[in-house]
Amino acid sequence: KQAEGGGGFGVELASGESIHADTVILAVSCRVAAALSGEFSNDLATRLDEIETASSVVVSTGHRLEQVEHPLNAYGLVVPRIEGRRVLAVSFASRKLDGRAPEGRVLMRTFVGGELQPELVDLDDEQLGVLVGEELESLLGVRGDPEIFDVVRHRGMMPQYTVGHLGRIAEIERLVAGIPGLALAGSAYRGVGLPDCIASGVEAAASVLRED
């Protein structure tokens, strides 16, 4: 919350300690940012809550290369809605970045759920394992059990850039500009990709430094 007298912010840490901060960057989801900013700006909180979000699951699996029929000569694939699949995309993580899998193996990250199939987020890990296994076999010729299997659920963390999104962001930025020392960063505003999020963080840091 804003400190008394309008100079900086009072921040309560997870440890229970309270500190004073001249500037604060909210590098969190738009839902969390809305809850936090509600302490000092109802208008900003309302606008942040207007950004629609969806939930997704990331299922990471590790396979021996001999288990995979596809040559994996790409960074992954995105599945269009018209295909009627139960997965959104598959990233060949160890093809994109070095050191993600040992020699002779591949790490895949399969994305499930989203705006159109939200019910899949609530499947248990075993059910997701069966679903992803069937889809990977059909799409890429992956056979046999994976050597690594991990599930991470991201509830309400996937921003949906619906019609009018840029107008909402312009209003959010106007409101933030009226709160000295505050900046926002993250995927909810001007891009969900890693480069977009990095750019968002850099701009947030630059904006509070410019105020000094």
C-alpha atoms as a PDB file:
ATOM      1  CA  LYS A   1       0.000   0.000   0.000  1.00  0.00           C
ATOM      2  CA  GLN A   2       1.039   3.605  -0.462  1.00  0.00           C
ATOM      3  CA  ALA A   3       2.928   5.055   2.467  1.00  0.00           C
ATOM      4  CA  GLU A   4       1.287   7.780   4.501  1.00  0.00           C
ATOM      5  CA  GLY A   5       1.775  11.174   2.903  1.00  0.00           C
ATOM      6  CA  GLY A   6       2.043   9.616  -0.581  1.00  0.00           C
ATOM      7  CA  GLY A   7       5.806   9.071  -0.490  1.00  0.00           C
ATOM      8  CA  GLY A   8       6.611   5.558  -1.634  1.00  0.00           C
ATOM      9  CA  PHE A   9       5.015   2.340  -0.481  1.00  0.00           C
ATOM     10  CA  GLY A  10       4.691   0.245   2.635  1.00  0.00           C
ATOM     11  CA  VAL A  11       5.519  -3.353   1.714  1.00  0.00           C
ATOM     12  CA  GLU A  12       4.707  -6.350   3.901  1.00  0.00           C
ATOM     13  CA  LEU A  13       7.137  -9.212   3.228  1.00  0.00           C
ATOM     14  CA  ALA A  14       6.242 -12.898   3.427  1.00  0.00           C
ATOM     15  CA  SER A  15       8.357 -13.073   6.577  1.00  0.00           C
ATOM     16  CA  GLY A  16       5.987 -10.636   8.260  1.00  0.00           C
ATOM     17  CA  GLU A  17       8.483  -7.792   8.162  1.00  0.00           C
ATOM     18  CA  SER A  18       7.349  -4.408   6.839  1.00  0.00           C
ATOM     19  CA  ILE A  19       9.637  -2.165   4.816  1.00  0.00           C
ATOM     20  CA  HIS A  20       9.406   1.172   3.026  1.00  0.00           C
ATOM     21  CA  ALA A  21      10.082   1.221  -0.733  1.00  0.00           C
ATOM     22  CA  ASP A  22      10.442   4.306  -2.894  1.00  0.00           C
ATOM     23  CA  THR A  23       9.415   2.305  -5.965  1.00  0.00           C
ATOM     24  CA  VAL A  24       7.559  -0.951  -6.585  1.00  0.00           C
ATOM     25  CA  ILE A  25       7.357  -3.038  -9.768  1.00  0.00           C
ATOM     26  CA  LEU A  26       4.435  -5.472  -9.800  1.00  0.00           C
ATOM     27  CA  ALA A  27       5.887  -8.314 -11.904  1.00  0.00           C
ATOM     28  CA  VAL A  28       2.964 -10.638 -11.201  1.00  0.00           C
ATOM     29  CA  SER A  29      -0.163 -11.843 -12.976  1.00  0.00           C
ATOM     30  CA  CYS A  30      -2.834  -9.253 -13.725  1.00  0.00           C
ATOM     31  CA  ARG A  31      -5.118 -10.864 -11.126  1.00  0.00           C
ATOM     32  CA  VAL A  32      -2.516 -10.532  -8.380  1.00  0.00           C
ATOM     33  CA  ALA A  33      -1.637  -7.018  -9.567  1.00  0.00           C
ATOM     34  CA  ALA A  34      -5.321  -6.089  -9.333  1.00  0.00           C
ATOM     35  CA  ALA A  35      -5.556  -7.383  -5.775  1.00  0.00           C
ATOM     36  CA  LEU A  36      -2.410  -5.526  -4.703  1.00  0.00           C
ATOM     37  CA  SER A  37      -3.242  -2.242  -6.443  1.00  0.00           C
ATOM     38  CA  GLY A  38      -6.698  -2.265  -4.909  1.00  0.00           C
ATOM     39  CA  GLU A  39      -4.977  -1.053  -1.739  1.00  0.00           C
ATOM     40  CA  PHE A  40      -4.383   2.353  -3.333  1.00  0.00           C
ATOM     41  CA  SER A  41      -6.311   2.614  -6.626  1.00  0.00           C
ATOM     42  CA  ASN A  42      -9.727   1.077  -7.183  1.00  0.00           C
ATOM     43  CA  ASP A  43      -9.740   2.318 -10.781  1.00  0.00           C
ATOM     44  CA  LEU A  44      -6.462   0.542 -11.578  1.00  0.00           C
ATOM     45  CA  ALA A  45      -7.619  -2.647  -9.870  1.00  0.00           C
ATOM     46  CA  THR A  46     -10.845  -2.607 -11.901  1.00  0.00           C
ATOM     47  CA  ARG A  47      -9.001  -2.153 -15.187  1.00  0.00           C
ATOM     48  CA  LEU A  48      -6.544  -4.938 -14.394  1.00  0.00           C
ATOM     49  CA  ASP A  49      -9.429  -7.262 -13.558  1.00  0.00           C
ATOM     50  CA  GLU A  50     -10.905  -6.568 -17.011  1.00  0.00           C
ATOM     51  CA  ILE A  51      -8.029  -8.437 -18.677  1.00  0.00           C
ATOM     52  CA  GLU A  52      -9.391 -11.909 -19.415  1.00  0.00           C
ATOM     53  CA  THR A  53      -7.292 -14.928 -18.549  1.00  0.00           C
ATOM     54  CA  ALA A  54      -7.359 -18.674 -19.147  1.00  0.00           C
ATOM     55  CA  SER A  55      -5.748 -21.634 -17.429  1.00  0.00           C
ATOM     56  CA  SER A  56      -3.351 -24.183 -18.853  1.00  0.00           C
ATOM     57  CA  VAL A  57      -1.258 -27.190 -17.901  1.00  0.00           C
ATOM     58  CA  VAL A  58       2.313 -27.847 -18.989  1.00  0.00           C
ATOM     59  CA  VAL A  59       3.218 -31.541 -19.109  1.00  0.00           C
ATOM     60  CA  SER A  60       6.962 -32.133 -19.441  1.00  0.00           C
ATOM     61  CA  THR A  61       8.111 -35.530 -20.671  1.00  0.00           C
ATOM     62  CA  GLY A  62      11.554 -36.942 -21.362  1.00  0.00           C
ATOM     63  CA  HIS A  63      12.016 -39.642 -24.025  1.00  0.00           C
ATOM     64  CA  ARG A  64      14.775 -41.679 -25.619  1.00  0.00           C
ATOM     65  CA  LEU A  65      15.181 -40.651 -29.254  1.00  0.00           C
ATOM     66  CA  GLU A  66      14.482 -44.197 -30.413  1.00  0.00           C
ATOM     67  CA  GLN A  67      11.003 -43.818 -28.884  1.00  0.00           C
ATOM     68  CA  VAL A  68      10.183 -40.968 -31.296  1.00  0.00           C
ATOM     69  CA  GLU A  69       9.384 -41.568 -34.964  1.00  0.00           C
ATOM     70  CA  HIS A  70       9.431 -37.874 -35.930  1.00  0.00           C
ATOM     71  CA  PRO A  71      12.909 -36.421 -36.731  1.00  0.00           C
ATOM     72  CA  LEU A  72      12.213 -33.456 -34.397  1.00  0.00           C
ATOM     73  CA  ASN A  73      13.853 -31.144 -36.919  1.00  0.00           C
ATOM     74  CA  ALA A  74      12.030 -28.098 -35.541  1.00  0.00           C
ATOM     75  CA  TYR A  75      11.489 -26.276 -32.262  1.00  0.00           C
ATOM     76  CA  GLY A  76       7.997 -27.626 -31.767  1.00  0.00           C
ATOM     77  CA  LEU A  77       4.469 -27.283 -33.100  1.00  0.00           C
ATOM     78  CA  VAL A  78       1.274 -25.326 -32.521  1.00  0.00           C
ATOM     79  CA  VAL A  79      -2.035 -27.125 -33.034  1.00  0.00           C
ATOM     80  CA  PRO A  80      -4.805 -25.135 -34.786  1.00  0.00           C
ATOM     81  CA  ARG A  81      -8.300 -25.401 -33.368  1.00  0.00           C
ATOM     82  CA  ILE A  82      -9.676 -26.943 -36.559  1.00  0.00           C
ATOM     83  CA  GLU A  83      -7.625 -30.106 -35.878  1.00  0.00           C
ATOM     84  CA  GLY A  84      -9.834 -30.936 -32.896  1.00  0.00           C
ATOM     85  CA  ARG A  85      -6.876 -32.022 -30.767  1.00  0.00           C
ATOM     86  CA  ARG A  86      -6.658 -32.092 -26.956  1.00  0.00           C
ATOM     87  CA  VAL A  87      -3.322 -30.280 -26.852  1.00  0.00           C
ATOM     88  CA  LEU A  88      -2.502 -26.678 -27.712  1.00  0.00           C
ATOM     89  CA  ALA A  89       1.169 -27.006 -28.592  1.00  0.00           C
ATOM     90  CA  VAL A  90       4.279 -29.091 -28.085  1.00  0.00           C
ATOM     91  CA  SER A  91       7.680 -27.503 -27.516  1.00  0.00           C
ATOM     92  CA  PHE A  92      10.825 -29.528 -28.216  1.00  0.00           C
ATOM     93  CA  ALA A  93      12.560 -27.884 -25.271  1.00  0.00           C
ATOM     94  CA  SER A  94      15.906 -29.612 -25.674  1.00  0.00           C
ATOM     95  CA  ARG A  95      15.980 -28.667 -29.366  1.00  0.00           C
ATOM     96  CA  LYS A  96      15.433 -25.004 -28.511  1.00  0.00           C
ATOM     97  CA  LEU A  97      17.963 -24.734 -25.701  1.00  0.00           C
ATOM     98  CA  ASP A  98      21.180 -26.640 -25.014  1.00  0.00           C
ATOM     99  CA  GLY A  99      21.593 -28.649 -21.851  1.00  0.00           C
ATOM    100  CA  ARG A 100      17.938 -29.550 -21.410  1.00  0.00           C
ATOM    101  CA  ALA A 101      18.411 -33.271 -22.094  1.00  0.00           C
ATOM    102  CA  PRO A 102      21.370 -35.693 -22.233  1.00  0.00           C
ATOM    103  CA  GLU A 103      22.677 -37.139 -25.472  1.00  0.00           C
ATOM    104  CA  GLY A 104      20.207 -39.470 -27.149  1.00  0.00           C
ATOM    105  CA  ARG A 105      17.189 -38.036 -25.378  1.00  0.00           C
ATOM    106  CA  VAL A 106      14.640 -35.258 -25.892  1.00  0.00           C
ATOM    107  CA  LEU A 107      12.620 -33.110 -23.488  1.00  0.00           C
ATOM    108  CA  MET A 108       9.124 -32.117 -24.634  1.00  0.00           C
ATOM    109  CA  ARG A 109       6.715 -29.648 -23.057  1.00  0.00           C
ATOM    110  CA  THR A 110       3.071 -30.212 -24.009  1.00  0.00           C
ATOM    111  CA  PHE A 111       0.468 -27.517 -23.362  1.00  0.00           C
ATOM    112  CA  VAL A 112      -3.104 -28.488 -22.469  1.00  0.00           C
ATOM    113  CA  GLY A 113      -6.278 -26.580 -21.595  1.00  0.00           C
ATOM    114  CA  GLY A 114      -6.604 -22.927 -22.536  1.00  0.00           C
ATOM    115  CA  GLU A 115      -9.719 -20.903 -23.238  1.00  0.00           C
ATOM    116  CA  LEU A 116     -11.444 -23.568 -25.331  1.00  0.00           C
ATOM    117  CA  GLN A 117     -10.796 -26.669 -23.180  1.00  0.00           C
ATOM    118  CA  PRO A 118     -10.678 -25.414 -19.573  1.00  0.00           C
ATOM    119  CA  GLU A 119     -12.004 -28.704 -18.201  1.00  0.00           C
ATOM    120  CA  LEU A 120      -8.730 -30.453 -19.083  1.00  0.00           C
ATOM    121  CA  VAL A 121      -6.888 -28.407 -16.460  1.00  0.00           C
ATOM    122  CA  ASP A 122      -8.792 -30.304 -13.761  1.00  0.00           C
ATOM    123  CA  LEU A 123      -7.721 -33.758 -14.903  1.00  0.00           C
ATOM    124  CA  ASP A 124      -5.443 -35.521 -12.437  1.00  0.00           C
ATOM    125  CA  ASP A 125      -1.816 -36.235 -13.288  1.00  0.00           C
ATOM    126  CA  GLU A 126      -2.502 -39.813 -14.353  1.00  0.00           C
ATOM    127  CA  GLN A 127      -5.271 -38.754 -16.726  1.00  0.00           C
ATOM    128  CA  LEU A 128      -3.067 -36.030 -18.187  1.00  0.00           C
ATOM    129  CA  GLY A 129      -0.311 -38.559 -18.696  1.00  0.00           C
ATOM    130  CA  VAL A 130      -2.624 -40.787 -20.720  1.00  0.00           C
ATOM    131  CA  LEU A 131      -3.974 -37.835 -22.731  1.00  0.00           C
ATOM    132  CA  VAL A 132      -0.548 -36.434 -23.576  1.00  0.00           C
ATOM    133  CA  GLY A 133       0.820 -39.885 -24.365  1.00  0.00           C
ATOM    134  CA  GLU A 134      -1.971 -40.536 -26.865  1.00  0.00           C
ATOM    135  CA  GLU A 135      -1.557 -37.125 -28.497  1.00  0.00           C
ATOM    136  CA  LEU A 136       2.236 -37.393 -28.771  1.00  0.00           C
ATOM    137  CA  GLU A 137       1.933 -40.841 -30.290  1.00  0.00           C
ATOM    138  CA  SER A 138      -0.578 -39.596 -32.854  1.00  0.00           C
ATOM    139  CA  LEU A 139       1.285 -36.382 -33.714  1.00  0.00           C
ATOM    140  CA  LEU A 140       4.924 -37.446 -33.479  1.00  0.00           C
ATOM    141  CA  GLY A 141       4.982 -41.215 -33.275  1.00  0.00           C
ATOM    142  CA  VAL A 142       6.126 -41.230 -29.636  1.00  0.00           C
ATOM    143  CA  ARG A 143       5.848 -44.704 -28.125  1.00  0.00           C
ATOM    144  CA  GLY A 144       6.470 -46.168 -24.707  1.00  0.00           C
ATOM    145  CA  ASP A 145       6.482 -44.562 -21.289  1.00  0.00           C
ATOM    146  CA  PRO A 146       8.513 -41.380 -20.790  1.00  0.00           C
ATOM    147  CA  GLU A 147      11.587 -41.463 -18.579  1.00  0.00           C
ATOM    148  CA  ILE A 148      10.590 -38.106 -17.068  1.00  0.00           C
ATOM    149  CA  PHE A 149       7.040 -36.928 -16.352  1.00  0.00           C
ATOM    150  CA  ASP A 150       6.127 -33.641 -14.664  1.00  0.00           C
ATOM    151  CA  VAL A 151       2.899 -31.620 -14.486  1.00  0.00           C
ATOM    152  CA  VAL A 152       2.570 -27.916 -13.692  1.00  0.00           C
ATOM    153  CA  ARG A 153      -0.822 -26.160 -13.644  1.00  0.00           C
ATOM    154  CA  HIS A 154      -1.098 -22.445 -14.381  1.00  0.00           C
ATOM    155  CA  ARG A 155      -4.544 -21.309 -13.283  1.00  0.00           C
ATOM    156  CA  GLY A 156      -5.680 -17.942 -14.610  1.00  0.00           C
ATOM    157  CA  MET A 157      -2.181 -17.144 -15.852  1.00  0.00           C
ATOM    158  CA  MET A 158      -2.702 -17.056 -19.639  1.00  0.00           C
ATOM    159  CA  PRO A 159      -3.845 -13.560 -20.714  1.00  0.00           C
ATOM    160  CA  GLN A 160      -6.385 -13.372 -23.522  1.00  0.00           C
ATOM    161  CA  TYR A 161      -5.915 -10.386 -25.810  1.00  0.00           C
ATOM    162  CA  THR A 162      -9.590  -9.860 -26.594  1.00  0.00           C
ATOM    163  CA  VAL A 163     -11.031  -7.042 -28.718  1.00  0.00           C
ATOM    164  CA  GLY A 164     -10.251  -3.705 -27.090  1.00  0.00           C
ATOM    165  CA  HIS A 165      -7.160  -4.984 -25.277  1.00  0.00           C
ATOM    166  CA  LEU A 166      -4.888  -2.158 -26.399  1.00  0.00           C
ATOM    167  CA  GLY A 167      -7.415   0.394 -25.217  1.00  0.00           C
ATOM    168  CA  ARG A 168      -7.532  -1.247 -21.796  1.00  0.00           C
ATOM    169  CA  ILE A 169      -3.744  -1.275 -21.622  1.00  0.00           C
ATOM    170  CA  ALA A 170      -3.573   2.408 -22.570  1.00  0.00           C
ATOM    171  CA  GLU A 171      -5.934   3.238 -19.711  1.00  0.00           C
ATOM    172  CA  ILE A 172      -3.958   1.053 -17.300  1.00  0.00           C
ATOM    173  CA  GLU A 173      -0.739   2.805 -18.302  1.00  0.00           C
ATOM    174  CA  ARG A 174      -2.396   6.195 -17.812  1.00  0.00           C
ATOM    175  CA  LEU A 175      -3.502   5.235 -14.309  1.00  0.00           C
ATOM    176  CA  VAL A 176      -0.079   3.810 -13.415  1.00  0.00           C
ATOM    177  CA  ALA A 177       1.596   7.010 -14.617  1.00  0.00           C
ATOM    178  CA  GLY A 178      -0.426   8.887 -12.017  1.00  0.00           C
ATOM    179  CA  ILE A 179       1.004   6.802  -9.156  1.00  0.00           C
ATOM    180  CA  PRO A 180       4.646   7.860  -8.570  1.00  0.00           C
ATOM    181  CA  GLY A 181       7.051   4.974  -8.072  1.00  0.00           C
ATOM    182  CA  LEU A 182       4.741   2.255  -9.457  1.00  0.00           C
ATOM    183  CA  ALA A 183       5.332   0.117 -12.573  1.00  0.00           C
ATOM    184  CA  LEU A 184       3.820  -3.058 -14.002  1.00  0.00           C
ATOM    185  CA  ALA A 185       5.597  -5.875 -15.817  1.00  0.00           C
ATOM    186  CA  GLY A 186       4.533  -9.222 -17.194  1.00  0.00           C
ATOM    187  CA  SER A 187       2.743 -11.111 -19.938  1.00  0.00           C
ATOM    188  CA  ALA A 188      -0.690  -9.548 -19.476  1.00  0.00           C
ATOM    189  CA  TYR A 189       0.051  -6.286 -21.256  1.00  0.00           C
ATOM    190  CA  ARG A 190       1.977  -6.280 -24.542  1.00  0.00           C
ATOM    191  CA  GLY A 191       3.093  -9.854 -25.274  1.00  0.00           C
ATOM    192  CA  VAL A 192       3.235 -13.314 -23.712  1.00  0.00           C
ATOM    193  CA  GLY A 193       6.520 -14.541 -25.201  1.00  0.00           C
ATOM    194  CA  LEU A 194       9.752 -14.610 -23.224  1.00  0.00           C
ATOM    195  CA  PRO A 195      11.278 -11.703 -25.218  1.00  0.00           C
ATOM    196  CA  ASP A 196       8.089  -9.692 -24.632  1.00  0.00           C
ATOM    197  CA  CYS A 197       8.228 -10.325 -20.882  1.00  0.00           C
ATOM    198  CA  ILE A 198      11.901  -9.366 -20.731  1.00  0.00           C
ATOM    199  CA  ALA A 199      11.134  -6.154 -22.633  1.00  0.00           C
ATOM    200  CA  SER A 200       8.271  -5.457 -20.225  1.00  0.00           C
ATOM    201  CA  GLY A 201      10.593  -5.826 -17.231  1.00  0.00           C
ATOM    202  CA  VAL A 202      13.280  -3.642 -18.778  1.00  0.00           C
ATOM    203  CA  GLU A 203      10.757  -0.900 -19.545  1.00  0.00           C
ATOM    204  CA  ALA A 204       9.281  -1.100 -16.030  1.00  0.00           C
ATOM    205  CA  ALA A 205      12.740  -0.699 -14.485  1.00  0.00           C
ATOM    206  CA  ALA A 206      13.535   2.184 -16.857  1.00  0.00           C
ATOM    207  CA  SER A 207      10.280   3.937 -16.013  1.00  0.00           C
ATOM    208  CA  VAL A 208      10.920   4.038 -12.261  1.00  0.00           C
ATOM    209  CA  LEU A 209      14.529   5.085 -12.829  1.00  0.00           C
ATOM    210  CA  ARG A 210      13.377   7.960 -15.025  1.00  0.00           C
ATOM    211  CA  GLU A 211      11.274   9.239 -12.134  1.00  0.00           C
ATOM    212  CA  ASP A 212      14.418   9.537 -10.003  1.00  0.00           C
END
